[in-house]
PDB file of N, CA and C in Angstrom:
ATOM      1  N   UNK A   1      -0.570 -20.431  -1.203  1.00  0.00           N
ATOM      2  CA  UNK A   1      -0.947 -19.119  -1.732  1.00  0.00           C
ATOM      3  C   UNK A   1      -2.354 -18.781  -1.254  1.00  0.00           C
ATOM      4  N   UNK A   2      -2.550 -17.561  -0.836  1.00  0.00           N
ATOM      5  CA  UNK A   2      -3.858 -17.109  -0.367  1.00  0.00           C
ATOM      6  C   UNK A   2      -4.795 -16.804  -1.533  1.00  0.00           C
ATOM      7  N   UNK A   3      -5.882 -16.183  -1.206  1.00  0.00           N
ATOM      8  CA  UNK A   3      -6.880 -15.857  -2.208  1.00  0.00           C
ATOM      9  C   UNK A   3      -6.382 -14.826  -3.208  1.00  0.00           C
ATOM     10  N   UNK A   4      -5.466 -13.966  -2.790  1.00  0.00           N
ATOM     11  CA  UNK A   4      -4.919 -12.910  -3.651  1.00  0.00           C
ATOM     12  C   UNK A   4      -3.407 -13.059  -3.741  1.00  0.00           C
ATOM     13  N   UNK A   5      -2.846 -12.680  -4.878  1.00  0.00           N
ATOM     14  CA  UNK A   5      -1.391 -12.736  -5.002  1.00  0.00           C
ATOM     15  C   UNK A   5      -0.761 -11.659  -4.119  1.00  0.00           C
ATOM     16  N   UNK A   6       0.475 -11.902  -3.737  1.00  0.00           N
ATOM     17  CA  UNK A   6       1.212 -10.931  -2.913  1.00  0.00           C
ATOM     18  C   UNK A   6       1.359  -9.598  -3.678  1.00  0.00           C
ATOM     19  N   UNK A   7       1.534  -9.661  -5.000  1.00  0.00           N
ATOM     20  CA  UNK A   7       1.679  -8.450  -5.787  1.00  0.00           C
ATOM     21  C   UNK A   7       0.393  -7.618  -5.741  1.00  0.00           C
ATOM     22  N   UNK A   8      -0.764  -8.290  -5.864  1.00  0.00           N
ATOM     23  CA  UNK A   8      -2.051  -7.579  -5.809  1.00  0.00           C
ATOM     24  C   UNK A   8      -2.242  -6.930  -4.452  1.00  0.00           C
ATOM     25  N   UNK A   9      -1.949  -7.677  -3.388  1.00  0.00           N
ATOM     26  CA  UNK A   9      -2.098  -7.122  -2.042  1.00  0.00           C
ATOM     27  C   UNK A   9      -1.159  -5.950  -1.813  1.00  0.00           C
ATOM     28  N   UNK A  10       0.048  -6.041  -2.325  1.00  0.00           N
ATOM     29  CA  UNK A  10       0.990  -4.937  -2.214  1.00  0.00           C
ATOM     30  C   UNK A  10       0.484  -3.702  -2.933  1.00  0.00           C
ATOM     31  N   UNK A  11      -0.108  -3.909  -4.123  1.00  0.00           N
ATOM     32  CA  UNK A  11      -0.690  -2.796  -4.874  1.00  0.00           C
ATOM     33  C   UNK A  11      -1.853  -2.169  -4.128  1.00  0.00           C
ATOM     34  N   UNK A  12      -2.677  -2.999  -3.504  1.00  0.00           N
ATOM     35  CA  UNK A  12      -3.819  -2.482  -2.732  1.00  0.00           C
ATOM     36  C   UNK A  12      -3.307  -1.562  -1.624  1.00  0.00           C
ATOM     37  N   UNK A  13      -2.344  -2.042  -0.867  1.00  0.00           N
ATOM     38  CA  UNK A  13      -1.796  -1.254   0.248  1.00  0.00           C
ATOM     39  C   UNK A  13      -1.199   0.052  -0.255  1.00  0.00           C
ATOM     40  N   UNK A  14      -0.401  -0.021  -1.323  1.00  0.00           N
ATOM     41  CA  UNK A  14       0.237   1.178  -1.859  1.00  0.00           C
ATOM     42  C   UNK A  14      -0.784   2.178  -2.376  1.00  0.00           C
ATOM     43  N   UNK A  15      -1.750   1.700  -3.155  1.00  0.00           N
ATOM     44  CA  UNK A  15      -2.742   2.593  -3.758  1.00  0.00           C
ATOM     45  C   UNK A  15      -3.692   3.200  -2.716  1.00  0.00           C
ATOM     46  N   UNK A  16      -4.061   2.431  -1.710  1.00  0.00           N
ATOM     47  CA  UNK A  16      -4.908   2.997  -0.649  1.00  0.00           C
ATOM     48  C   UNK A  16      -4.124   4.048   0.121  1.00  0.00           C
ATOM     49  N   UNK A  17      -2.859   3.802   0.377  1.00  0.00           N
ATOM     50  CA  UNK A  17      -2.028   4.793   1.037  1.00  0.00           C
ATOM     51  C   UNK A  17      -1.976   6.103   0.256  1.00  0.00           C
ATOM     52  N   UNK A  18      -1.841   5.988  -1.061  1.00  0.00           N
ATOM     53  CA  UNK A  18      -1.834   7.176  -1.921  1.00  0.00           C
ATOM     54  C   UNK A  18      -3.182   7.883  -1.866  1.00  0.00           C
ATOM     55  N   UNK A  19      -4.267   7.104  -1.857  1.00  0.00           N
ATOM     56  CA  UNK A  19      -5.613   7.707  -1.753  1.00  0.00           C
ATOM     57  C   UNK A  19      -5.767   8.441  -0.445  1.00  0.00           C
ATOM     58  N   UNK A  20      -5.393   7.824   0.649  1.00  0.00           N
ATOM     59  CA  UNK A  20      -5.542   8.448   1.963  1.00  0.00           C
ATOM     60  C   UNK A  20      -4.665   9.713   2.059  1.00  0.00           C
ATOM     61  N   UNK A  21      -3.472   9.665   1.509  1.00  0.00           N
ATOM     62  CA  UNK A  21      -2.617  10.857   1.484  1.00  0.00           C
ATOM     63  C   UNK A  21      -3.243  11.965   0.633  1.00  0.00           C
ATOM     64  N   UNK A  22      -3.807  11.578  -0.515  1.00  0.00           N
ATOM     65  CA  UNK A  22      -4.462  12.548  -1.395  1.00  0.00           C
ATOM     66  C   UNK A  22      -5.602  13.241  -0.667  1.00  0.00           C
ATOM     67  N   UNK A  23      -6.412  12.476   0.020  1.00  0.00           N
ATOM     68  CA  UNK A  23      -7.529  13.047   0.767  1.00  0.00           C
ATOM     69  C   UNK A  23      -7.045  13.975   1.875  1.00  0.00           C
ATOM     70  N   UNK A  24      -6.049  13.530   2.615  1.00  0.00           N
ATOM     71  CA  UNK A  24      -5.518  14.353   3.710  1.00  0.00           C
ATOM     72  C   UNK A  24      -4.940  15.667   3.193  1.00  0.00           C
ATOM     73  N   UNK A  25      -4.245  15.615   2.054  1.00  0.00           N
ATOM     74  CA  UNK A  25      -3.637  16.830   1.484  1.00  0.00           C
ATOM     75  C   UNK A  25      -4.649  17.729   0.801  1.00  0.00           C
ATOM     76  N   UNK A  26      -5.624  17.129   0.131  1.00  0.00           N
ATOM     77  CA  UNK A  26      -6.621  17.903  -0.640  1.00  0.00           C
ATOM     78  C   UNK A  26      -7.712  18.498   0.229  1.00  0.00           C
ATOM     79  N   UNK A  27      -8.002  17.836   1.349  1.00  0.00           N
ATOM     80  CA  UNK A  27      -9.082  18.290   2.230  1.00  0.00           C
ATOM     81  C   UNK A  27      -8.557  18.381   3.669  1.00  0.00           C
ATOM     82  N   UNK A  28      -7.662  19.339   3.941  1.00  0.00           N
ATOM     83  CA  UNK A  28      -7.022  19.395   5.265  1.00  0.00           C
ATOM     84  C   UNK A  28      -7.995  19.661   6.420  1.00  0.00           C
ATOM     85  N   UNK A  29      -9.172  20.207   6.122  1.00  0.00           N
ATOM     86  CA  UNK A  29     -10.141  20.466   7.194  1.00  0.00           C
ATOM     87  C   UNK A  29     -11.053  19.271   7.453  1.00  0.00           C
ATOM     88  N   UNK A  30     -10.895  18.203   6.665  1.00  0.00           N
ATOM     89  CA  UNK A  30     -11.735  17.011   6.840  1.00  0.00           C
ATOM     90  C   UNK A  30     -11.061  16.032   7.800  1.00  0.00           C
ATOM     91  N   UNK A  31     -11.862  15.172   8.360  1.00  0.00           N
ATOM     92  CA  UNK A  31     -11.369  14.142   9.276  1.00  0.00           C
ATOM     93  C   UNK A  31     -10.932  12.932   8.440  1.00  0.00           C
ATOM     94  N   UNK A  32      -9.616  12.782   8.268  1.00  0.00           N
ATOM     95  CA  UNK A  32      -9.095  11.693   7.437  1.00  0.00           C
ATOM     96  C   UNK A  32      -9.449  10.336   8.009  1.00  0.00           C
ATOM     97  N   UNK A  33      -9.427  10.225   9.318  1.00  0.00           N
ATOM     98  CA  UNK A  33      -9.792   8.931   9.962  1.00  0.00           C
ATOM     99  C   UNK A  33     -11.233   8.562   9.632  1.00  0.00           C
ATOM    100  N   UNK A  34     -12.112   9.536   9.658  1.00  0.00           N
ATOM    101  CA  UNK A  34     -13.506   9.288   9.306  1.00  0.00           C
ATOM    102  C   UNK A  34     -13.614   8.857   7.843  1.00  0.00           C
ATOM    103  N   UNK A  35     -12.856   9.508   6.960  1.00  0.00           N
ATOM    104  CA  UNK A  35     -12.867   9.117   5.562  1.00  0.00           C
ATOM    105  C   UNK A  35     -12.412   7.673   5.421  1.00  0.00           C
ATOM    106  N   UNK A  36     -11.321   7.305   6.081  1.00  0.00           N
ATOM    107  CA  UNK A  36     -10.792   5.942   5.986  1.00  0.00           C
ATOM    108  C   UNK A  36     -11.836   4.939   6.458  1.00  0.00           C
ATOM    109  N   UNK A  37     -12.471   5.198   7.594  1.00  0.00           N
ATOM    110  CA  UNK A  37     -13.472   4.293   8.118  1.00  0.00           C
ATOM    111  C   UNK A  37     -14.655   4.126   7.155  1.00  0.00           C
ATOM    112  N   UNK A  38     -15.090   5.241   6.559  1.00  0.00           N
ATOM    113  CA  UNK A  38     -16.195   5.181   5.601  1.00  0.00           C
ATOM    114  C   UNK A  38     -15.755   4.454   4.335  1.00  0.00           C
ATOM    115  N   UNK A  39     -14.559   4.759   3.851  1.00  0.00           N
ATOM    116  CA  UNK A  39     -14.031   4.123   2.646  1.00  0.00           C
ATOM    117  C   UNK A  39     -13.943   2.610   2.819  1.00  0.00           C
ATOM    118  N   UNK A  40     -13.499   2.146   3.969  1.00  0.00           N
ATOM    119  CA  UNK A  40     -13.318   0.719   4.188  1.00  0.00           C
ATOM    120  C   UNK A  40     -14.640  -0.057   4.134  1.00  0.00           C
ATOM    121  N   UNK A  41     -15.767   0.637   4.285  1.00  0.00           N
ATOM    122  CA  UNK A  41     -17.086   0.005   4.234  1.00  0.00           C
ATOM    123  C   UNK A  41     -17.781   0.273   2.896  1.00  0.00           C
ATOM    124  N   UNK A  42     -17.082   0.929   1.973  1.00  0.00           N
ATOM    125  CA  UNK A  42     -17.712   1.400   0.738  1.00  0.00           C
ATOM    126  C   UNK A  42     -17.737   0.339  -0.352  1.00  0.00           C
ATOM    127  N   UNK A  43     -18.559   0.632  -1.371  1.00  0.00           N
ATOM    128  CA  UNK A  43     -18.613  -0.220  -2.560  1.00  0.00           C
ATOM    129  C   UNK A  43     -17.284  -0.195  -3.305  1.00  0.00           C
ATOM    130  N   UNK A  44     -16.599   0.938  -3.265  1.00  0.00           N
ATOM    131  CA  UNK A  44     -15.297   1.016  -3.925  1.00  0.00           C
ATOM    132  C   UNK A  44     -14.338   0.033  -3.302  1.00  0.00           C
ATOM    133  N   UNK A  45     -14.257   0.009  -1.993  1.00  0.00           N
ATOM    134  CA  UNK A  45     -13.368  -0.944  -1.303  1.00  0.00           C
ATOM    135  C   UNK A  45     -13.827  -2.378  -1.558  1.00  0.00           C
ATOM    136  N   UNK A  46     -15.140  -2.606  -1.582  1.00  0.00           N
ATOM    137  CA  UNK A  46     -15.654  -3.954  -1.829  1.00  0.00           C
ATOM    138  C   UNK A  46     -15.233  -4.426  -3.223  1.00  0.00           C
ATOM    139  N   UNK A  47     -15.208  -3.504  -4.199  1.00  0.00           N
ATOM    140  CA  UNK A  47     -14.758  -3.856  -5.545  1.00  0.00           C
ATOM    141  C   UNK A  47     -13.309  -4.348  -5.510  1.00  0.00           C
ATOM    142  N   UNK A  48     -12.478  -3.685  -4.716  1.00  0.00           N
ATOM    143  CA  UNK A  48     -11.074  -4.101  -4.586  1.00  0.00           C
ATOM    144  C   UNK A  48     -11.012  -5.463  -3.905  1.00  0.00           C
ATOM    145  N   UNK A  49     -11.801  -5.666  -2.869  1.00  0.00           N
ATOM    146  CA  UNK A  49     -11.812  -6.945  -2.174  1.00  0.00           C
ATOM    147  C   UNK A  49     -12.286  -8.087  -3.080  1.00  0.00           C
ATOM    148  N   UNK A  50     -13.124  -7.748  -4.050  1.00  0.00           N
ATOM    149  CA  UNK A  50     -13.607  -8.744  -5.007  1.00  0.00           C
ATOM    150  C   UNK A  50     -12.689  -8.864  -6.208  1.00  0.00           C
ATOM    151  N   UNK A  51     -11.465  -8.348  -6.094  1.00  0.00           N
ATOM    152  CA  UNK A  51     -10.415  -8.439  -7.096  1.00  0.00           C
ATOM    153  C   UNK A  51     -10.794  -7.808  -8.418  1.00  0.00           C
ATOM    154  N   UNK A  52     -11.562  -6.720  -8.382  1.00  0.00           N
ATOM    155  CA  UNK A  52     -11.849  -5.965  -9.590  1.00  0.00           C
ATOM    156  C   UNK A  52     -10.669  -5.009  -9.803  1.00  0.00           C
ATOM    157  N   UNK A  53      -9.678  -5.520 -10.470  1.00  0.00           N
ATOM    158  CA  UNK A  53      -8.369  -4.836 -10.545  1.00  0.00           C
ATOM    159  C   UNK A  53      -8.449  -3.451 -11.155  1.00  0.00           C
ATOM    160  N   UNK A  54      -9.433  -3.196 -12.010  1.00  0.00           N
ATOM    161  CA  UNK A  54      -9.517  -1.867 -12.621  1.00  0.00           C
ATOM    162  C   UNK A  54      -9.672  -0.775 -11.553  1.00  0.00           C
ATOM    163  N   UNK A  55     -10.310  -1.057 -10.446  1.00  0.00           N
ATOM    164  CA  UNK A  55     -10.447  -0.077  -9.388  1.00  0.00           C
ATOM    165  C   UNK A  55      -9.100   0.099  -8.700  1.00  0.00           C
ATOM    166  N   UNK A  56      -8.406  -0.993  -8.463  1.00  0.00           N
ATOM    167  CA  UNK A  56      -7.113  -0.923  -7.791  1.00  0.00           C
ATOM    168  C   UNK A  56      -6.060  -0.227  -8.623  1.00  0.00           C
ATOM    169  N   UNK A  57      -6.220  -0.172  -9.939  1.00  0.00           N
ATOM    170  CA  UNK A  57      -5.201   0.456 -10.781  1.00  0.00           C
ATOM    171  C   UNK A  57      -5.480   1.929 -11.026  1.00  0.00           C
ATOM    172  N   UNK A  58      -6.573   2.476 -10.504  1.00  0.00           N
ATOM    173  CA  UNK A  58      -6.851   3.908 -10.657  1.00  0.00           C
ATOM    174  C   UNK A  58      -5.874   4.728  -9.844  1.00  0.00           C
ATOM    175  N   UNK A  59      -5.557   5.933 -10.327  1.00  0.00           N
ATOM    176  CA  UNK A  59      -4.744   6.820  -9.505  1.00  0.00           C
ATOM    177  C   UNK A  59      -5.620   7.333  -8.354  1.00  0.00           C
ATOM    178  N   UNK A  60      -4.994   7.968  -7.391  1.00  0.00           N
ATOM    179  CA  UNK A  60      -5.685   8.381  -6.157  1.00  0.00           C
ATOM    180  C   UNK A  60      -6.878   9.303  -6.464  1.00  0.00           C
ATOM    181  N   UNK A  61      -6.699  10.240  -7.373  1.00  0.00           N
ATOM    182  CA  UNK A  61      -7.765  11.184  -7.688  1.00  0.00           C
ATOM    183  C   UNK A  61      -8.967  10.464  -8.310  1.00  0.00           C
ATOM    184  N   UNK A  62      -8.738   9.577  -9.274  1.00  0.00           N
ATOM    185  CA  UNK A  62      -9.833   8.850  -9.901  1.00  0.00           C
ATOM    186  C   UNK A  62     -10.502   7.881  -8.935  1.00  0.00           C
ATOM    187  N   UNK A  63      -9.723   7.266  -8.068  1.00  0.00           N
ATOM    188  CA  UNK A  63     -10.311   6.378  -7.059  1.00  0.00           C
ATOM    189  C   UNK A  63     -11.170   7.184  -6.109  1.00  0.00           C
ATOM    190  N   UNK A  64     -10.710   8.369  -5.718  1.00  0.00           N
ATOM    191  CA  UNK A  64     -11.482   9.246  -4.856  1.00  0.00           C
ATOM    192  C   UNK A  64     -12.795   9.664  -5.538  1.00  0.00           C
ATOM    193  N   UNK A  65     -12.724   9.966  -6.837  1.00  0.00           N
ATOM    194  CA  UNK A  65     -13.934  10.317  -7.579  1.00  0.00           C
ATOM    195  C   UNK A  65     -14.913   9.143  -7.648  1.00  0.00           C
ATOM    196  N   UNK A  66     -14.367   7.949  -7.858  1.00  0.00           N
ATOM    197  CA  UNK A  66     -15.208   6.741  -7.890  1.00  0.00           C
ATOM    198  C   UNK A  66     -15.876   6.558  -6.542  1.00  0.00           C
ATOM    199  N   UNK A  67     -15.098   6.734  -5.474  1.00  0.00           N
ATOM    200  CA  UNK A  67     -15.666   6.642  -4.124  1.00  0.00           C
ATOM    201  C   UNK A  67     -16.814   7.631  -3.933  1.00  0.00           C
ATOM    202  N   UNK A  68     -16.621   8.852  -4.412  1.00  0.00           N
ATOM    203  CA  UNK A  68     -17.678   9.886  -4.266  1.00  0.00           C
ATOM    204  C   UNK A  68     -18.946   9.472  -4.982  1.00  0.00           C
ATOM    205  N   UNK A  69     -18.815   8.859  -6.146  1.00  0.00           N
ATOM    206  CA  UNK A  69     -20.020   8.479  -6.900  1.00  0.00           C
ATOM    207  C   UNK A  69     -20.656   7.201  -6.376  1.00  0.00           C
ATOM    208  N   UNK A  70     -19.854   6.362  -5.723  1.00  0.00           N
ATOM    209  CA  UNK A  70     -20.350   5.079  -5.190  1.00  0.00           C
ATOM    210  C   UNK A  70     -20.410   5.092  -3.659  1.00  0.00           C
ATOM    211  N   UNK A  71     -20.536   6.235  -3.076  1.00  0.00           N
ATOM    212  CA  UNK A  71     -20.367   6.383  -1.635  1.00  0.00           C
ATOM    213  C   UNK A  71     -21.305   5.506  -0.801  1.00  0.00           C
ATOM    214  N   UNK A  72     -22.334   4.947  -1.412  1.00  0.00           N
ATOM    215  CA  UNK A  72     -23.251   4.111  -0.656  1.00  0.00           C
ATOM    216  C   UNK A  72     -22.515   3.023   0.081  1.00  0.00           C
ATOM    217  N   UNK A  73     -22.813   2.849   1.322  1.00  0.00           N
ATOM    218  CA  UNK A  73     -22.179   1.811   2.117  1.00  0.00           C
ATOM    219  C   UNK A  73     -22.770   0.470   1.714  1.00  0.00           C
ATOM    220  N   UNK A  74     -21.900  -0.499   1.536  1.00  0.00           N
ATOM    221  CA  UNK A  74     -22.367  -1.831   1.109  1.00  0.00           C
ATOM    222  C   UNK A  74     -22.640  -2.712   2.288  1.00  0.00           C
TER     223      UNK A  74
END
């Protein structure tokens, strides 16, 4: 078994996909690829990598809001 359970990793993939879809649909004039690259370096993503499950269980809109408030690159 790796550092994270398969279920947790599956949730991460599913929830990030929902977040990226939410951003693409909500901000059609924005560069989604740029958002993804910035997000992957963010404190929000680092929280998920550190298994802070409360971040991973947020819906796409709340996760996006958290990202906006924690946008500082870690």
